PDB file of N, CA and C in Angstrom:
ATOM      1  N   UNK A   1       9.863-161.633-172.372  1.00  0.00           N
ATOM      2  CA  UNK A   1       9.148-161.486-171.068  1.00  0.00           C
ATOM      3  C   UNK A   1       9.363-160.140-170.451  1.00  0.00           C
ATOM      4  N   UNK A   2      10.533-159.482-170.653  1.00  0.00           N
ATOM      5  CA  UNK A   2      10.739-158.140-170.070  1.00  0.00           C
ATOM      6  C   UNK A   2       9.826-157.113-170.594  1.00  0.00           C
ATOM      7  N   UNK A   3       9.409-157.202-171.830  1.00  0.00           N
ATOM      8  CA  UNK A   3       8.487-156.227-172.423  1.00  0.00           C
ATOM      9  C   UNK A   3       7.114-156.393-171.891  1.00  0.00           C
ATOM     10  N   UNK A   4       6.748-157.609-171.695  1.00  0.00           N
ATOM     11  CA  UNK A   4       5.389-157.897-171.150  1.00  0.00           C
ATOM     12  C   UNK A   4       5.371-157.349-169.683  1.00  0.00           C
ATOM     13  N   UNK A   5       6.400-157.577-168.966  1.00  0.00           N
ATOM     14  CA  UNK A   5       6.416-157.117-167.561  1.00  0.00           C
ATOM     15  C   UNK A   5       6.324-155.534-167.503  1.00  0.00           C
ATOM     16  N   UNK A   6       7.082-154.967-168.416  1.00  0.00           N
ATOM     17  CA  UNK A   6       7.069-153.438-168.472  1.00  0.00           C
ATOM     18  C   UNK A   6       5.651-152.943-168.934  1.00  0.00           C
ATOM     19  N   UNK A   7       5.086-153.618-169.829  1.00  0.00           N
ATOM     20  CA  UNK A   7       3.675-153.212-170.181  1.00  0.00           C
ATOM     21  C   UNK A   7       2.715-153.468-169.039  1.00  0.00           C
ATOM     22  N   UNK A   8       2.844-154.488-168.277  1.00  0.00           N
ATOM     23  CA  UNK A   8       1.950-154.697-167.195  1.00  0.00           C
ATOM     24  C   UNK A   8       2.068-153.554-166.112  1.00  0.00           C
ATOM     25  N   UNK A   9       3.186-153.070-165.936  1.00  0.00           N
ATOM     26  CA  UNK A   9       3.353-151.940-164.994  1.00  0.00           C
ATOM     27  C   UNK A   9       2.499-150.704-165.439  1.00  0.00           C
ATOM     28  N   UNK A  10       2.502-150.430-166.800  1.00  0.00           N
ATOM     29  CA  UNK A  10       1.676-149.336-167.282  1.00  0.00           C
ATOM     30  C   UNK A  10       0.247-149.636-167.107  1.00  0.00           C
ATOM     31  N   UNK A  11      -0.173-150.840-167.444  1.00  0.00           N
ATOM     32  CA  UNK A  11      -1.602-151.198-167.416  1.00  0.00           C
ATOM     33  C   UNK A  11      -2.112-151.163-165.925  1.00  0.00           C
ATOM     34  N   UNK A  12      -1.312-151.701-165.057  1.00  0.00           N
ATOM     35  CA  UNK A  12      -1.710-151.717-163.585  1.00  0.00           C
ATOM     36  C   UNK A  12      -1.873-150.277-163.045  1.00  0.00           C
ATOM     37  N   UNK A  13      -0.929-149.432-163.387  1.00  0.00           N
ATOM     38  CA  UNK A  13      -0.962-148.028-162.901  1.00  0.00           C
ATOM     39  C   UNK A  13      -2.121-147.291-163.552  1.00  0.00           C
ATOM     40  N   UNK A  14      -2.312-147.500-164.821  1.00  0.00           N
ATOM     41  CA  UNK A  14      -3.366-146.735-165.509  1.00  0.00           C
ATOM     42  C   UNK A  14      -4.739-147.315-165.119  1.00  0.00           C
ATOM     43  N   UNK A  15      -4.859-148.587-164.839  1.00  0.00           N
ATOM     44  CA  UNK A  15      -6.092-149.145-164.269  1.00  0.00           C
ATOM     45  C   UNK A  15      -6.405-148.519-162.921  1.00  0.00           C
ATOM     46  N   UNK A  16      -5.408-148.402-162.082  1.00  0.00           N
ATOM     47  CA  UNK A  16      -5.592-147.779-160.727  1.00  0.00           C
ATOM     48  C   UNK A  16      -5.984-146.314-160.945  1.00  0.00           C
ATOM     49  N   UNK A  17      -5.322-145.636-161.885  1.00  0.00           N
ATOM     50  CA  UNK A  17      -5.715-144.230-162.096  1.00  0.00           C
ATOM     51  C   UNK A  17      -7.176-144.127-162.531  1.00  0.00           C
ATOM     52  N   UNK A  18      -7.612-145.023-163.424  1.00  0.00           N
ATOM     53  CA  UNK A  18      -8.996-144.959-163.830  1.00  0.00           C
ATOM     54  C   UNK A  18      -9.926-145.318-162.716  1.00  0.00           C
ATOM     55  N   UNK A  19      -9.667-146.295-161.870  1.00  0.00           N
ATOM     56  CA  UNK A  19     -10.532-146.633-160.770  1.00  0.00           C
ATOM     57  C   UNK A  19     -10.586-145.422-159.780  1.00  0.00           C
ATOM     58  N   UNK A  20      -9.382-144.871-159.431  1.00  0.00           N
ATOM     59  CA  UNK A  20      -9.426-143.790-158.500  1.00  0.00           C
ATOM     60  C   UNK A  20     -10.165-142.582-159.007  1.00  0.00           C
ATOM     61  N   UNK A  21     -10.008-142.343-160.315  1.00  0.00           N
ATOM     62  CA  UNK A  21     -10.824-141.196-160.917  1.00  0.00           C
ATOM     63  C   UNK A  21     -12.228-141.437-160.819  1.00  0.00           C
ATOM     64  N   UNK A  22     -12.709-142.651-161.063  1.00  0.00           N
ATOM     65  CA  UNK A  22     -14.137-142.952-161.018  1.00  0.00           C
ATOM     66  C   UNK A  22     -14.672-142.839-159.659  1.00  0.00           C
ATOM     67  N   UNK A  23     -13.901-143.331-158.648  1.00  0.00           N
ATOM     68  CA  UNK A  23     -14.324-143.310-157.203  1.00  0.00           C
ATOM     69  C   UNK A  23     -14.226-141.950-156.569  1.00  0.00           C
ATOM     70  N   UNK A  24     -13.404-141.090-157.145  1.00  0.00           N
ATOM     71  CA  UNK A  24     -13.174-139.795-156.615  1.00  0.00           C
ATOM     72  C   UNK A  24     -12.788-139.770-155.154  1.00  0.00           C
ATOM     73  N   UNK A  25     -11.859-140.726-154.832  1.00  0.00           N
ATOM     74  CA  UNK A  25     -11.400-140.830-153.437  1.00  0.00           C
ATOM     75  C   UNK A  25     -10.115-140.028-153.189  1.00  0.00           C
ATOM     76  N   UNK A  26      -9.447-139.675-154.295  1.00  0.00           N
ATOM     77  CA  UNK A  26      -8.131-138.999-154.199  1.00  0.00           C
ATOM     78  C   UNK A  26      -8.093-137.838-155.085  1.00  0.00           C
ATOM     79  N   UNK A  27      -7.230-136.842-154.713  1.00  0.00           N
ATOM     80  CA  UNK A  27      -7.012-135.726-155.618  1.00  0.00           C
ATOM     81  C   UNK A  27      -5.920-136.120-156.657  1.00  0.00           C
ATOM     82  N   UNK A  28      -5.647-135.261-157.594  1.00  0.00           N
ATOM     83  CA  UNK A  28      -4.721-135.586-158.658  1.00  0.00           C
ATOM     84  C   UNK A  28      -3.334-135.989-158.126  1.00  0.00           C
ATOM     85  N   UNK A  29      -2.832-135.224-157.123  1.00  0.00           N
ATOM     86  CA  UNK A  29      -1.493-135.462-156.573  1.00  0.00           C
ATOM     87  C   UNK A  29      -1.498-136.779-155.867  1.00  0.00           C
ATOM     88  N   UNK A  30      -2.559-137.134-155.067  1.00  0.00           N
ATOM     89  CA  UNK A  30      -2.536-138.436-154.397  1.00  0.00           C
ATOM     90  C   UNK A  30      -2.647-139.593-155.425  1.00  0.00           C
ATOM     91  N   UNK A  31      -3.393-139.357-156.514  1.00  0.00           N
ATOM     92  CA  UNK A  31      -3.534-140.445-157.528  1.00  0.00           C
ATOM     93  C   UNK A  31      -2.136-140.621-158.194  1.00  0.00           C
ATOM     94  N   UNK A  32      -1.359-139.605-158.438  1.00  0.00           N
ATOM     95  CA  UNK A  32      -0.088-139.679-159.021  1.00  0.00           C
ATOM     96  C   UNK A  32       0.838-140.426-158.130  1.00  0.00           C
ATOM     97  N   UNK A  33       0.797-140.210-156.789  1.00  0.00           N
ATOM     98  CA  UNK A  33       1.614-140.932-155.839  1.00  0.00           C
ATOM     99  C   UNK A  33       1.294-142.410-155.767  1.00  0.00           C
ATOM    100  N   UNK A  34       0.052-142.675-155.745  1.00  0.00           N
ATOM    101  CA  UNK A  34      -0.445-144.120-155.721  1.00  0.00           C
ATOM    102  C   UNK A  34       0.069-144.863-157.034  1.00  0.00           C
ATOM    103  N   UNK A  35      -0.220-144.189-158.137  1.00  0.00           N
ATOM    104  CA  UNK A  35       0.137-144.846-159.405  1.00  0.00           C
ATOM    105  C   UNK A  35       1.693-144.971-159.621  1.00  0.00           C
ATOM    106  N   UNK A  36       2.400-144.095-159.085  1.00  0.00           N
ATOM    107  CA  UNK A  36       3.900-144.182-159.105  1.00  0.00           C
ATOM    108  C   UNK A  36       4.341-145.370-158.250  1.00  0.00           C
ATOM    109  N   UNK A  37       3.764-145.559-157.098  1.00  0.00           N
ATOM    110  CA  UNK A  37       4.149-146.678-156.204  1.00  0.00           C
ATOM    111  C   UNK A  37       3.749-147.977-156.916  1.00  0.00           C
ATOM    112  N   UNK A  38       2.642-148.045-157.506  1.00  0.00           N
ATOM    113  CA  UNK A  38       2.194-149.263-158.236  1.00  0.00           C
ATOM    114  C   UNK A  38       3.199-149.561-159.412  1.00  0.00           C
ATOM    115  N   UNK A  39       3.515-148.533-160.191  1.00  0.00           N
ATOM    116  CA  UNK A  39       4.422-148.658-161.363  1.00  0.00           C
ATOM    117  C   UNK A  39       5.808-149.205-160.909  1.00  0.00           C
ATOM    118  N   UNK A  40       6.402-148.672-159.740  1.00  0.00           N
ATOM    119  CA  UNK A  40       7.655-148.914-159.396  1.00  0.00           C
ATOM    120  C   UNK A  40       7.849-150.124-158.415  1.00  0.00           C
ATOM    121  N   UNK A  41       6.725-150.700-157.982  1.00  0.00           N
ATOM    122  CA  UNK A  41       6.763-151.672-156.904  1.00  0.00           C
ATOM    123  C   UNK A  41       7.658-152.864-157.160  1.00  0.00           C
ATOM    124  N   UNK A  42       7.902-153.245-158.345  1.00  0.00           N
ATOM    125  CA  UNK A  42       8.669-154.431-158.663  1.00  0.00           C
ATOM    126  C   UNK A  42      10.159-154.111-158.816  1.00  0.00           C
ATOM    127  N   UNK A  43      10.506-152.861-158.858  1.00  0.00           N
ATOM    128  CA  UNK A  43      11.869-152.397-158.969  1.00  0.00           C
ATOM    129  C   UNK A  43      12.589-152.390-157.669  1.00  0.00           C
ATOM    130  N   UNK A  44      12.798-153.540-156.996  1.00  0.00           N
ATOM    131  CA  UNK A  44      13.303-153.637-155.649  1.00  0.00           C
ATOM    132  C   UNK A  44      14.769-153.161-155.394  1.00  0.00           C
ATOM    133  N   UNK A  45      15.516-153.126-156.539  1.00  0.00           N
ATOM    134  CA  UNK A  45      16.947-152.735-156.430  1.00  0.00           C
ATOM    135  C   UNK A  45      17.112-151.255-156.754  1.00  0.00           C
ATOM    136  N   UNK A  46      16.021-150.544-156.969  1.00  0.00           N
ATOM    137  CA  UNK A  46      16.104-149.103-157.352  1.00  0.00           C
ATOM    138  C   UNK A  46      15.340-148.302-156.235  1.00  0.00           C
ATOM    139  N   UNK A  47      15.959-147.186-155.867  1.00  0.00           N
ATOM    140  CA  UNK A  47      15.313-146.293-154.876  1.00  0.00           C
ATOM    141  C   UNK A  47      14.494-145.287-155.700  1.00  0.00           C
ATOM    142  N   UNK A  48      13.222-145.133-155.356  1.00  0.00           N
ATOM    143  CA  UNK A  48      12.334-144.257-156.006  1.00  0.00           C
ATOM    144  C   UNK A  48      11.823-143.292-154.930  1.00  0.00           C
ATOM    145  N   UNK A  49      10.586-142.758-155.130  1.00  0.00           N
ATOM    146  CA  UNK A  49      10.011-141.813-154.142  1.00  0.00           C
ATOM    147  C   UNK A  49       9.682-142.529-152.886  1.00  0.00           C
ATOM    148  N   UNK A  50       9.351-141.711-151.834  1.00  0.00           N
ATOM    149  CA  UNK A  50       9.114-142.192-150.518  1.00  0.00           C
ATOM    150  C   UNK A  50       7.935-143.223-150.487  1.00  0.00           C
ATOM    151  N   UNK A  51       6.835-142.891-151.082  1.00  0.00           N
ATOM    152  CA  UNK A  51       5.730-143.794-151.070  1.00  0.00           C
ATOM    153  C   UNK A  51       5.970-145.054-151.922  1.00  0.00           C
ATOM    154  N   UNK A  52       6.762-144.872-152.958  1.00  0.00           N
ATOM    155  CA  UNK A  52       7.177-146.012-153.796  1.00  0.00           C
ATOM    156  C   UNK A  52       7.891-147.000-152.926  1.00  0.00           C
ATOM    157  N   UNK A  53       8.805-146.450-152.076  1.00  0.00           N
ATOM    158  CA  UNK A  53       9.619-147.301-151.210  1.00  0.00           C
ATOM    159  C   UNK A  53       8.788-147.946-150.070  1.00  0.00           C
ATOM    160  N   UNK A  54       7.798-147.308-149.659  1.00  0.00           N
ATOM    161  CA  UNK A  54       6.875-147.847-148.633  1.00  0.00           C
ATOM    162  C   UNK A  54       6.185-149.081-149.169  1.00  0.00           C
ATOM    163  N   UNK A  55       5.703-149.011-150.457  1.00  0.00           N
ATOM    164  CA  UNK A  55       5.071-150.113-151.019  1.00  0.00           C
ATOM    165  C   UNK A  55       5.946-151.252-151.298  1.00  0.00           C
ATOM    166  N   UNK A  56       7.200-150.929-151.713  1.00  0.00           N
ATOM    167  CA  UNK A  56       8.185-151.968-152.049  1.00  0.00           C
ATOM    168  C   UNK A  56       8.496-152.716-150.738  1.00  0.00           C
ATOM    169  N   UNK A  57       8.713-151.982-149.698  1.00  0.00           N
ATOM    170  CA  UNK A  57       9.012-152.612-148.368  1.00  0.00           C
ATOM    171  C   UNK A  57       7.855-153.421-147.933  1.00  0.00           C
ATOM    172  N   UNK A  58       6.715-152.954-147.976  1.00  0.00           N
ATOM    173  CA  UNK A  58       5.506-153.726-147.604  1.00  0.00           C
ATOM    174  C   UNK A  58       5.407-154.975-148.469  1.00  0.00           C
ATOM    175  N   UNK A  59       5.640-154.920-149.748  1.00  0.00           N
ATOM    176  CA  UNK A  59       5.597-156.093-150.617  1.00  0.00           C
ATOM    177  C   UNK A  59       6.648-157.117-150.161  1.00  0.00           C
ATOM    178  N   UNK A  60       7.795-156.713-149.866  1.00  0.00           N
ATOM    179  CA  UNK A  60       8.917-157.616-149.438  1.00  0.00           C
ATOM    180  C   UNK A  60       8.501-158.180-148.067  1.00  0.00           C
ATOM    181  N   UNK A  61       8.048-157.435-147.139  1.00  0.00           N
ATOM    182  CA  UNK A  61       7.667-157.912-145.845  1.00  0.00           C
ATOM    183  C   UNK A  61       6.571-159.056-146.004  1.00  0.00           C
ATOM    184  N   UNK A  62       5.579-158.689-146.845  1.00  0.00           N
ATOM    185  CA  UNK A  62       4.506-159.698-147.092  1.00  0.00           C
ATOM    186  C   UNK A  62       5.019-161.010-147.639  1.00  0.00           C
ATOM    187  N   UNK A  63       5.900-160.860-148.647  1.00  0.00           N
ATOM    188  CA  UNK A  63       6.463-162.120-149.262  1.00  0.00           C
ATOM    189  C   UNK A  63       7.279-162.913-148.219  1.00  0.00           C
ATOM    190  N   UNK A  64       8.036-162.219-147.462  1.00  0.00           N
ATOM    191  CA  UNK A  64       8.961-162.893-146.592  1.00  0.00           C
ATOM    192  C   UNK A  64       8.374-163.331-145.251  1.00  0.00           C
ATOM    193  N   UNK A  65       7.380-162.640-144.806  1.00  0.00           N
ATOM    194  CA  UNK A  65       6.780-162.934-143.466  1.00  0.00           C
ATOM    195  C   UNK A  65       5.577-163.866-143.578  1.00  0.00           C
ATOM    196  N   UNK A  66       5.049-163.850-144.793  1.00  0.00           N
ATOM    197  CA  UNK A  66       3.805-164.638-145.016  1.00  0.00           C
ATOM    198  C   UNK A  66       4.024-166.159-144.788  1.00  0.00           C
ATOM    199  N   UNK A  67       5.255-166.595-145.263  1.00  0.00           N
ATOM    200  CA  UNK A  67       5.590-167.990-145.152  1.00  0.00           C
ATOM    201  C   UNK A  67       7.012-168.082-144.727  1.00  0.00           C
ATOM    202  N   UNK A  68       7.290-168.198-143.426  1.00  0.00           N
ATOM    203  CA  UNK A  68       8.640-168.062-142.912  1.00  0.00           C
ATOM    204  C   UNK A  68       9.549-169.316-143.262  1.00  0.00           C
ATOM    205  N   UNK A  69       8.971-170.366-143.851  1.00  0.00           N
ATOM    206  CA  UNK A  69       9.711-171.532-144.208  1.00  0.00           C
ATOM    207  C   UNK A  69      10.349-171.274-145.642  1.00  0.00           C
ATOM    208  N   UNK A  70       9.775-170.468-146.409  1.00  0.00           N
ATOM    209  CA  UNK A  70      10.352-170.204-147.787  1.00  0.00           C
ATOM    210  C   UNK A  70      11.630-169.346-147.675  1.00  0.00           C
ATOM    211  N   UNK A  71      12.519-169.621-148.602  1.00  0.00           N
ATOM    212  CA  UNK A  71      13.732-168.772-148.680  1.00  0.00           C
ATOM    213  C   UNK A  71      13.349-167.384-149.199  1.00  0.00           C
ATOM    214  N   UNK A  72      14.125-166.398-148.834  1.00  0.00           N
ATOM    215  CA  UNK A  72      13.895-165.037-149.314  1.00  0.00           C
ATOM    216  C   UNK A  72      14.408-165.003-150.739  1.00  0.00           C
ATOM    217  N   UNK A  73      13.595-164.455-151.658  1.00  0.00           N
ATOM    218  CA  UNK A  73      13.994-164.328-153.009  1.00  0.00           C
ATOM    219  C   UNK A  73      15.198-163.463-153.148  1.00  0.00           C
ATOM    220  N   UNK A  74      16.116-163.924-154.115  1.00  0.00           N
ATOM    221  CA  UNK A  74      17.358-163.211-154.327  1.00  0.00           C
ATOM    222  C   UNK A  74      17.080-161.691-154.593  1.00  0.00           C
ATOM    223  N   UNK A  75      16.078-161.431-155.446  1.00  0.00           N
ATOM    224  CA  UNK A  75      15.842-160.005-155.768  1.00  0.00           C
ATOM    225  C   UNK A  75      15.394-159.133-154.620  1.00  0.00           C
ATOM    226  N   UNK A  76      14.916-159.880-153.531  1.00  0.00           N
ATOM    227  CA  UNK A  76      14.416-159.184-152.349  1.00  0.00           C
ATOM    228  C   UNK A  76      15.315-159.235-151.197  1.00  0.00           C
ATOM    229  N   UNK A  77      16.432-159.941-151.313  1.00  0.00           N
ATOM    230  CA  UNK A  77      17.307-160.224-150.167  1.00  0.00           C
ATOM    231  C   UNK A  77      17.874-158.950-149.541  1.00  0.00           C
ATOM    232  N   UNK A  78      18.438-158.066-150.356  1.00  0.00           N
ATOM    233  CA  UNK A  78      18.993-156.880-149.839  1.00  0.00           C
ATOM    234  C   UNK A  78      18.051-156.037-149.153  1.00  0.00           C
ATOM    235  N   UNK A  79      16.887-155.864-149.781  1.00  0.00           N
ATOM    236  CA  UNK A  79      15.847-155.019-149.134  1.00  0.00           C
ATOM    237  C   UNK A  79      15.294-155.618-147.822  1.00  0.00           C
ATOM    238  N   UNK A  80      15.168-156.934-147.887  1.00  0.00           N
ATOM    239  CA  UNK A  80      14.657-157.615-146.634  1.00  0.00           C
ATOM    240  C   UNK A  80      15.709-157.461-145.506  1.00  0.00           C
ATOM    241  N   UNK A  81      16.951-157.630-145.799  1.00  0.00           N
ATOM    242  CA  UNK A  81      18.009-157.482-144.806  1.00  0.00           C
ATOM    243  C   UNK A  81      18.001-156.086-144.210  1.00  0.00           C
ATOM    244  N   UNK A  82      17.844-155.083-145.053  1.00  0.00           N
ATOM    245  CA  UNK A  82      17.729-153.665-144.570  1.00  0.00           C
ATOM    246  C   UNK A  82      16.542-153.472-143.652  1.00  0.00           C
ATOM    247  N   UNK A  83      15.387-154.026-144.101  1.00  0.00           N
ATOM    248  CA  UNK A  83      14.172-153.864-143.241  1.00  0.00           C
ATOM    249  C   UNK A  83      14.404-154.543-141.893  1.00  0.00           C
ATOM    250  N   UNK A  84      14.888-155.768-141.884  1.00  0.00           N
ATOM    251  CA  UNK A  84      15.241-156.460-140.617  1.00  0.00           C
ATOM    252  C   UNK A  84      16.174-155.631-139.722  1.00  0.00           C
ATOM    253  N   UNK A  85      17.222-155.086-140.357  1.00  0.00           N
ATOM    254  CA  UNK A  85      18.159-154.300-139.611  1.00  0.00           C
ATOM    255  C   UNK A  85      17.464-153.030-139.004  1.00  0.00           C
ATOM    256  N   UNK A  86      16.613-152.402-139.825  1.00  0.00           N
ATOM    257  CA  UNK A  86      15.915-151.165-139.390  1.00  0.00           C
ATOM    258  C   UNK A  86      15.053-151.477-138.186  1.00  0.00           C
ATOM    259  N   UNK A  87      14.491-152.565-138.209  1.00  0.00           N
ATOM    260  CA  UNK A  87      13.470-152.876-137.120  1.00  0.00           C
ATOM    261  C   UNK A  87      14.093-153.839-136.047  1.00  0.00           C
ATOM    262  N   UNK A  88      15.351-154.043-136.096  1.00  0.00           N
ATOM    263  CA  UNK A  88      16.091-154.841-135.074  1.00  0.00           C
ATOM    264  C   UNK A  88      15.623-156.241-135.052  1.00  0.00           C
ATOM    265  N   UNK A  89      15.328-156.848-136.207  1.00  0.00           N
ATOM    266  CA  UNK A  89      14.907-158.231-136.289  1.00  0.00           C
ATOM    267  C   UNK A  89      16.017-159.221-136.611  1.00  0.00           C
ATOM    268  N   UNK A  90      17.240-158.798-136.554  1.00  0.00           N
ATOM    269  CA  UNK A  90      18.376-159.705-136.839  1.00  0.00           C
ATOM    270  C   UNK A  90      18.699-160.534-135.638  1.00  0.00           C
TER     271      UNK A  90
END
């Protein structure tokens, strides 16, 4: 399963790169930033670039705030706690 997940990261990022290239909405640097964020968004325990971290945090907030009855996933707990602390939600 790990290999499939790793492959999906490449496919998702390359798909985004192709779509952004066709739409011509971003320059090459912006496209690289977006694709990096997509590629790294599931690596919640690793600190990557600034925009990568913004997407990871947004992903965790969405998962945790979308349904407040559900438990926070173990892989997202540390990041969720940091976000809550940063925004004074504790």
